[in-house]
PDB file of all heavy atoms in Angstrom:
ATOM      1  N   ASP A   1      89.392 143.040 152.176  1.00  0.00           N
ATOM      2  CA  ASP A   1      88.885 141.698 152.509  1.00  0.00           C
ATOM      3  C   ASP A   1      89.515 140.675 151.586  1.00  0.00           C
ATOM      4  O   ASP A   1      89.754 140.926 150.406  1.00  0.00           O
ATOM      5  CB  ASP A   1      87.351 141.685 152.308  1.00  0.00           C
ATOM      6  CG  ASP A   1      86.621 142.552 153.369  1.00  0.00           C
ATOM      7  OD1 ASP A   1      87.189 142.730 154.472  1.00  0.00           O
ATOM      8  OD2 ASP A   1      85.559 143.051 153.040  1.00  0.00           O
ATOM      9  N   THR A   2      89.761 139.502 152.123  1.00  0.00           N
ATOM     10  CA  THR A   2      90.295 138.425 151.329  1.00  0.00           C
ATOM     11  C   THR A   2      89.258 137.422 150.902  1.00  0.00           C
ATOM     12  O   THR A   2      89.527 136.514 150.127  1.00  0.00           O
ATOM     13  CB  THR A   2      91.393 137.693 152.115  1.00  0.00           C
ATOM     14  OG1 THR A   2      90.844 137.193 153.327  1.00  0.00           O
ATOM     15  CG2 THR A   2      92.560 138.633 152.417  1.00  0.00           C
ATOM     16  N   VAL A   3      88.013 137.608 151.387  1.00  0.00           N
ATOM     17  CA  VAL A   3      86.930 136.733 151.024  1.00  0.00           C
ATOM     18  C   VAL A   3      85.813 137.527 150.408  1.00  0.00           C
ATOM     19  O   VAL A   3      85.393 138.564 150.931  1.00  0.00           O
ATOM     20  CB  VAL A   3      86.391 135.980 152.290  1.00  0.00           C
ATOM     21  CG1 VAL A   3      85.200 135.083 151.928  1.00  0.00           C
ATOM     22  CG2 VAL A   3      87.502 135.176 152.930  1.00  0.00           C
ATOM     23  N   ASP A   4      85.342 137.093 149.241  1.00  0.00           N
ATOM     24  CA  ASP A   4      84.260 137.762 148.575  1.00  0.00           C
ATOM     25  C   ASP A   4      82.966 137.663 149.406  1.00  0.00           C
ATOM     26  O   ASP A   4      82.490 136.546 149.665  1.00  0.00           O
ATOM     27  CB  ASP A   4      84.029 137.094 147.209  1.00  0.00           C
ATOM     28  CG  ASP A   4      83.016 137.810 146.343  1.00  0.00           C
ATOM     29  OD1 ASP A   4      82.241 138.634 146.893  1.00  0.00           O
ATOM     30  OD2 ASP A   4      82.977 137.557 145.134  1.00  0.00           O
ATOM     31  N   PRO A   5      82.452 138.784 149.881  1.00  0.00           N
ATOM     32  CA  PRO A   5      81.234 138.734 150.685  1.00  0.00           C
ATOM     33  C   PRO A   5      80.015 138.187 150.006  1.00  0.00           C
ATOM     34  O   PRO A   5      79.061 137.690 150.612  1.00  0.00           O
ATOM     35  CB  PRO A   5      81.016 140.209 151.120  1.00  0.00           C
ATOM     36  CG  PRO A   5      81.702 140.989 150.058  1.00  0.00           C
ATOM     37  CD  PRO A   5      82.873 140.179 149.629  1.00  0.00           C
ATOM     38  N   ASN A   6      80.050 138.215 148.644  1.00  0.00           N
ATOM     39  CA  ASN A   6      78.909 137.713 147.870  1.00  0.00           C
ATOM     40  C   ASN A   6      79.057 136.271 147.491  1.00  0.00           C
ATOM     41  O   ASN A   6      78.076 135.585 147.168  1.00  0.00           O
ATOM     42  CB  ASN A   6      78.781 138.547 146.546  1.00  0.00           C
ATOM     43  CG  ASN A   6      78.517 140.023 146.858  1.00  0.00           C
ATOM     44  OD1 ASN A   6      77.679 140.381 147.656  1.00  0.00           O
ATOM     45  ND2 ASN A   6      79.318 140.895 146.223  1.00  0.00           N
ATOM     46  N   ASP A   7      80.332 135.774 147.502  1.00  0.00           N
ATOM     47  CA  ASP A   7      80.572 134.350 147.120  1.00  0.00           C
ATOM     48  C   ASP A   7      81.872 133.921 147.797  1.00  0.00           C
ATOM     49  O   ASP A   7      82.946 134.103 147.236  1.00  0.00           O
ATOM     50  CB  ASP A   7      80.653 134.231 145.609  1.00  0.00           C
ATOM     51  CG  ASP A   7      80.835 132.813 145.173  1.00  0.00           C
ATOM     52  OD1 ASP A   7      80.877 131.896 146.044  1.00  0.00           O
ATOM     53  OD2 ASP A   7      80.961 132.574 143.975  1.00  0.00           O
ATOM     54  N   PRO A   8      81.798 133.347 148.952  1.00  0.00           N
ATOM     55  CA  PRO A   8      82.980 132.896 149.690  1.00  0.00           C
ATOM     56  C   PRO A   8      83.866 131.927 148.903  1.00  0.00           C
ATOM     57  O   PRO A   8      85.066 131.747 149.211  1.00  0.00           O
ATOM     58  CB  PRO A   8      82.440 132.261 150.943  1.00  0.00           C
ATOM     59  CG  PRO A   8      81.065 132.875 151.127  1.00  0.00           C
ATOM     60  CD  PRO A   8      80.557 133.091 149.736  1.00  0.00           C
ATOM     61  N   ASP A   9      83.308 131.228 147.933  1.00  0.00           N
ATOM     62  CA  ASP A   9      84.075 130.279 147.131  1.00  0.00           C
ATOM     63  C   ASP A   9      84.815 130.926 145.949  1.00  0.00           C
ATOM     64  O   ASP A   9      85.499 130.207 145.188  1.00  0.00           O
ATOM     65  CB  ASP A   9      83.137 129.182 146.580  1.00  0.00           C
ATOM     66  CG  ASP A   9      82.519 128.342 147.719  1.00  0.00           C
ATOM     67  OD1 ASP A   9      83.207 128.153 148.760  1.00  0.00           O
ATOM     68  OD2 ASP A   9      81.345 127.945 147.593  1.00  0.00           O
ATOM     69  N   ASN A  10      84.680 132.228 145.810  1.00  0.00           N
ATOM     70  CA  ASN A  10      85.312 132.942 144.659  1.00  0.00           C
ATOM     71  C   ASN A  10      86.805 133.115 144.946  1.00  0.00           C
ATOM     72  O   ASN A  10      87.213 133.990 145.656  1.00  0.00           O
ATOM     73  CB  ASN A  10      84.646 134.291 144.435  1.00  0.00           C
ATOM     74  CG  ASN A  10      85.307 135.109 143.362  1.00  0.00           C
ATOM     75  OD1 ASN A  10      86.087 134.574 142.557  1.00  0.00           O
ATOM     76  ND2 ASN A  10      84.977 136.386 143.314  1.00  0.00           N
ATOM     77  N   ILE A  11      87.646 132.237 144.374  1.00  0.00           N
ATOM     78  CA  ILE A  11      89.063 132.289 144.646  1.00  0.00           C
ATOM     79  C   ILE A  11      89.786 133.395 143.852  1.00  0.00           C
ATOM     80  O   ILE A  11      90.958 133.656 144.086  1.00  0.00           O
ATOM     81  CB  ILE A  11      89.739 130.941 144.358  1.00  0.00           C
ATOM     82  CG1 ILE A  11      89.554 130.545 142.881  1.00  0.00           C
ATOM     83  CG2 ILE A  11      89.168 129.852 145.281  1.00  0.00           C
ATOM     84  CD1 ILE A  11      90.313 129.287 142.486  1.00  0.00           C
ATOM     85  N   ALA A  12      89.086 134.026 142.923  1.00  0.00           N
ATOM     86  CA  ALA A  12      89.685 135.124 142.151  1.00  0.00           C
ATOM     87  C   ALA A  12      89.508 136.472 142.807  1.00  0.00           C
ATOM     88  O   ALA A  12      90.075 137.474 142.353  1.00  0.00           O
ATOM     89  CB  ALA A  12      89.092 135.148 140.751  1.00  0.00           C
ATOM     90  N   PHE A  13      88.780 136.503 143.934  1.00  0.00           N
ATOM     91  CA  PHE A  13      88.447 137.767 144.559  1.00  0.00           C
ATOM     92  C   PHE A  13      89.701 138.541 144.960  1.00  0.00           C
ATOM     93  O   PHE A  13      90.571 138.035 145.680  1.00  0.00           O
ATOM     94  CB  PHE A  13      87.600 137.486 145.803  1.00  0.00           C
ATOM     95  CG  PHE A  13      87.213 138.712 146.601  1.00  0.00           C
ATOM     96  CD1 PHE A  13      86.282 139.622 146.069  1.00  0.00           C
ATOM     97  CD2 PHE A  13      87.699 138.983 147.823  1.00  0.00           C
ATOM     98  CE1 PHE A  13      85.911 140.760 146.753  1.00  0.00           C
ATOM     99  CE2 PHE A  13      87.355 140.091 148.540  1.00  0.00           C
ATOM    100  CZ  PHE A  13      86.450 141.006 147.975  1.00  0.00           C
ATOM    101  N   TYR A  14      89.814 139.789 144.444  1.00  0.00           N
ATOM    102  CA  TYR A  14      90.869 140.735 144.739  1.00  0.00           C
ATOM    103  C   TYR A  14      92.303 140.229 144.441  1.00  0.00           C
ATOM    104  O   TYR A  14      93.251 140.752 144.964  1.00  0.00           O
ATOM    105  CB  TYR A  14      90.809 141.178 146.219  1.00  0.00           C
ATOM    106  CG  TYR A  14      90.220 142.563 146.370  1.00  0.00           C
ATOM    107  CD1 TYR A  14      89.094 142.776 147.159  1.00  0.00           C
ATOM    108  CD2 TYR A  14      90.742 143.664 145.684  1.00  0.00           C
ATOM    109  CE1 TYR A  14      88.550 144.056 147.280  1.00  0.00           C
ATOM    110  CE2 TYR A  14      90.197 144.934 145.799  1.00  0.00           C
ATOM    111  CZ  TYR A  14      89.094 145.115 146.621  1.00  0.00           C
ATOM    112  OH  TYR A  14      88.553 146.351 146.749  1.00  0.00           O
ATOM    113  N   LYS A  15      92.385 139.220 143.582  1.00  0.00           N
ATOM    114  CA  LYS A  15      93.692 138.785 143.145  1.00  0.00           C
ATOM    115  C   LYS A  15      94.270 139.826 142.171  1.00  0.00           C
ATOM    116  O   LYS A  15      93.507 140.575 141.534  1.00  0.00           O
ATOM    117  CB  LYS A  15      93.619 137.408 142.478  1.00  0.00           C
ATOM    118  CG  LYS A  15      93.268 136.276 143.414  1.00  0.00           C
ATOM    119  CD  LYS A  15      94.312 136.086 144.467  1.00  0.00           C
ATOM    120  CE  LYS A  15      94.124 134.753 145.248  1.00  0.00           C
ATOM    121  NZ  LYS A  15      92.857 134.650 145.947  1.00  0.00           N
ATOM    122  N   PRO A  16      95.605 139.958 142.083  1.00  0.00           N
ATOM    123  CA  PRO A  16      96.194 140.935 141.170  1.00  0.00           C
ATOM    124  C   PRO A  16      95.744 140.740 139.722  1.00  0.00           C
ATOM    125  O   PRO A  16      95.613 139.589 139.261  1.00  0.00           O
ATOM    126  CB  PRO A  16      97.697 140.685 141.280  1.00  0.00           C
ATOM    127  CG  PRO A  16      97.829 140.009 142.639  1.00  0.00           C
ATOM    128  CD  PRO A  16      96.618 139.193 142.808  1.00  0.00           C
ATOM    129  N   THR A  17      95.431 141.831 139.039  1.00  0.00           N
ATOM    130  CA  THR A  17      95.005 141.762 137.630  1.00  0.00           C
ATOM    131  C   THR A  17      95.864 142.699 136.824  1.00  0.00           C
ATOM    132  O   THR A  17      96.517 143.588 137.325  1.00  0.00           O
ATOM    133  CB  THR A  17      93.544 142.170 137.493  1.00  0.00           C
ATOM    134  OG1 THR A  17      93.406 143.559 137.871  1.00  0.00           O
ATOM    135  CG2 THR A  17      92.636 141.334 138.346  1.00  0.00           C
ATOM    136  N   ARG A  18      95.858 142.472 135.504  1.00  0.00           N
ATOM    137  CA  ARG A  18      96.487 143.428 134.620  1.00  0.00           C
ATOM    138  C   ARG A  18      95.738 143.447 133.286  1.00  0.00           C
ATOM    139  O   ARG A  18      95.044 142.481 132.946  1.00  0.00           O
ATOM    140  CB  ARG A  18      97.962 143.078 134.387  1.00  0.00           C
ATOM    141  CG  ARG A  18      98.209 141.780 133.685  1.00  0.00           C
ATOM    142  CD  ARG A  18      99.701 141.563 133.490  1.00  0.00           C
ATOM    143  NE  ARG A  18      99.963 140.360 132.712  1.00  0.00           N
ATOM    144  CZ  ARG A  18     101.174 139.955 132.309  1.00  0.00           C
ATOM    145  NH1 ARG A  18     102.215 140.753 132.632  1.00  0.00           N
ATOM    146  NH2 ARG A  18     101.355 138.869 131.620  1.00  0.00           N
ATOM    147  N   SER A  19      95.924 144.485 132.522  1.00  0.00           N
ATOM    148  CA  SER A  19      95.248 144.639 131.264  1.00  0.00           C
ATOM    149  C   SER A  19      96.081 145.465 130.303  1.00  0.00           C
ATOM    150  O   SER A  19      96.834 146.318 130.738  1.00  0.00           O
ATOM    151  CB  SER A  19      93.863 145.306 131.492  1.00  0.00           C
ATOM    152  OG  SER A  19      93.359 145.800 130.267  1.00  0.00           O
ATOM    153  N   ASN A  20      95.946 145.193 129.015  1.00  0.00           N
ATOM    154  CA  ASN A  20      96.687 145.975 128.056  1.00  0.00           C
ATOM    155  C   ASN A  20      95.938 147.224 127.580  1.00  0.00           C
ATOM    156  O   ASN A  20      96.312 147.906 126.673  1.00  0.00           O
ATOM    157  CB  ASN A  20      97.075 145.158 126.831  1.00  0.00           C
ATOM    158  CG  ASN A  20      95.860 144.593 126.075  1.00  0.00           C
ATOM    159  OD1 ASN A  20      94.726 144.731 126.554  1.00  0.00           O
ATOM    160  ND2 ASN A  20      96.086 143.976 124.946  1.00  0.00           N
ATOM    161  N   SER A  21      94.795 147.512 128.302  1.00  0.00           N
ATOM    162  CA  SER A  21      94.057 148.694 127.879  1.00  0.00           C
ATOM    163  C   SER A  21      93.635 149.594 129.033  1.00  0.00           C
ATOM    164  O   SER A  21      93.334 150.755 128.832  1.00  0.00           O
ATOM    165  CB  SER A  21      92.817 148.316 127.059  1.00  0.00           C
ATOM    166  OG  SER A  21      91.908 147.595 127.866  1.00  0.00           O
ATOM    167  N   THR A  22      93.582 149.064 130.251  1.00  0.00           N
ATOM    168  CA  THR A  22      93.105 149.908 131.337  1.00  0.00           C
ATOM    169  C   THR A  22      94.006 149.883 132.581  1.00  0.00           C
ATOM    170  O   THR A  22      93.684 150.546 133.569  1.00  0.00           O
ATOM    171  CB  THR A  22      91.688 149.512 131.797  1.00  0.00           C
ATOM    172  OG1 THR A  22      91.681 148.164 132.226  1.00  0.00           O
ATOM    173  CG2 THR A  22      90.711 149.711 130.666  1.00  0.00           C
ATOM    174  N   GLY A  23      95.081 149.158 132.559  1.00  0.00           N
ATOM    175  CA  GLY A  23      96.001 149.220 133.692  1.00  0.00           C
ATOM    176  C   GLY A  23      95.389 148.830 135.029  1.00  0.00           C
ATOM    177  O   GLY A  23      94.681 147.869 135.181  1.00  0.00           O
ATOM    178  N   GLY A  24      95.615 149.720 136.037  1.00  0.00           N
ATOM    179  CA  GLY A  24      95.256 149.423 137.414  1.00  0.00           C
ATOM    180  C   GLY A  24      93.791 149.125 137.667  1.00  0.00           C
ATOM    181  O   GLY A  24      93.489 148.303 138.484  1.00  0.00           O
ATOM    182  N   ILE A  25      92.886 149.788 136.944  1.00  0.00           N
ATOM    183  CA  ILE A  25      91.466 149.593 137.252  1.00  0.00           C
ATOM    184  C   ILE A  25      90.911 148.306 136.665  1.00  0.00           C
ATOM    185  O   ILE A  25      89.717 148.058 136.776  1.00  0.00           O
ATOM    186  CB  ILE A  25      90.624 150.796 136.789  1.00  0.00           C
ATOM    187  CG1 ILE A  25      90.725 150.998 135.278  1.00  0.00           C
ATOM    188  CG2 ILE A  25      90.997 152.036 137.554  1.00  0.00           C
ATOM    189  CD1 ILE A  25      89.698 152.001 134.792  1.00  0.00           C
ATOM    190  N   SER A  26      91.739 147.468 136.050  1.00  0.00           N
ATOM    191  CA  SER A  26      91.247 146.166 135.635  1.00  0.00           C
ATOM    192  C   SER A  26      90.828 145.364 136.877  1.00  0.00           C
ATOM    193  O   SER A  26      90.114 144.343 136.767  1.00  0.00           O
ATOM    194  CB  SER A  26      92.332 145.403 134.875  1.00  0.00           C
ATOM    195  OG  SER A  26      93.489 145.192 135.637  1.00  0.00           O
ATOM    196  N   GLY A  27      91.260 145.818 138.066  1.00  0.00           N
ATOM    197  CA  GLY A  27      90.844 145.155 139.315  1.00  0.00           C
ATOM    198  C   GLY A  27      89.352 145.237 139.549  1.00  0.00           C
ATOM    199  O   GLY A  27      88.826 144.503 140.395  1.00  0.00           O
ATOM    200  N   ALA A  28      88.642 146.058 138.798  1.00  0.00           N
ATOM    201  CA  ALA A  28      87.190 146.127 138.931  1.00  0.00           C
ATOM    202  C   ALA A  28      86.548 144.823 138.470  1.00  0.00           C
ATOM    203  O   ALA A  28      85.392 144.517 138.814  1.00  0.00           O
ATOM    204  CB  ALA A  28      86.636 147.285 138.110  1.00  0.00           C
ATOM    205  N   ALA A  29      87.300 144.003 137.712  1.00  0.00           N
ATOM    206  CA  ALA A  29      86.742 142.794 137.193  1.00  0.00           C
ATOM    207  C   ALA A  29      86.598 141.696 138.267  1.00  0.00           C
ATOM    208  O   ALA A  29      85.816 140.732 138.101  1.00  0.00           O
ATOM    209  CB  ALA A  29      87.572 142.241 136.060  1.00  0.00           C
TER     210      ALA A  29
END
């Protein structure tokens, strides 16, 4: 989904993320 079902105004929803400690699963944020 490209729209946050809990907050349609959330422009950060599912955008690419990165972290220096957890790699791929930083997407949980």
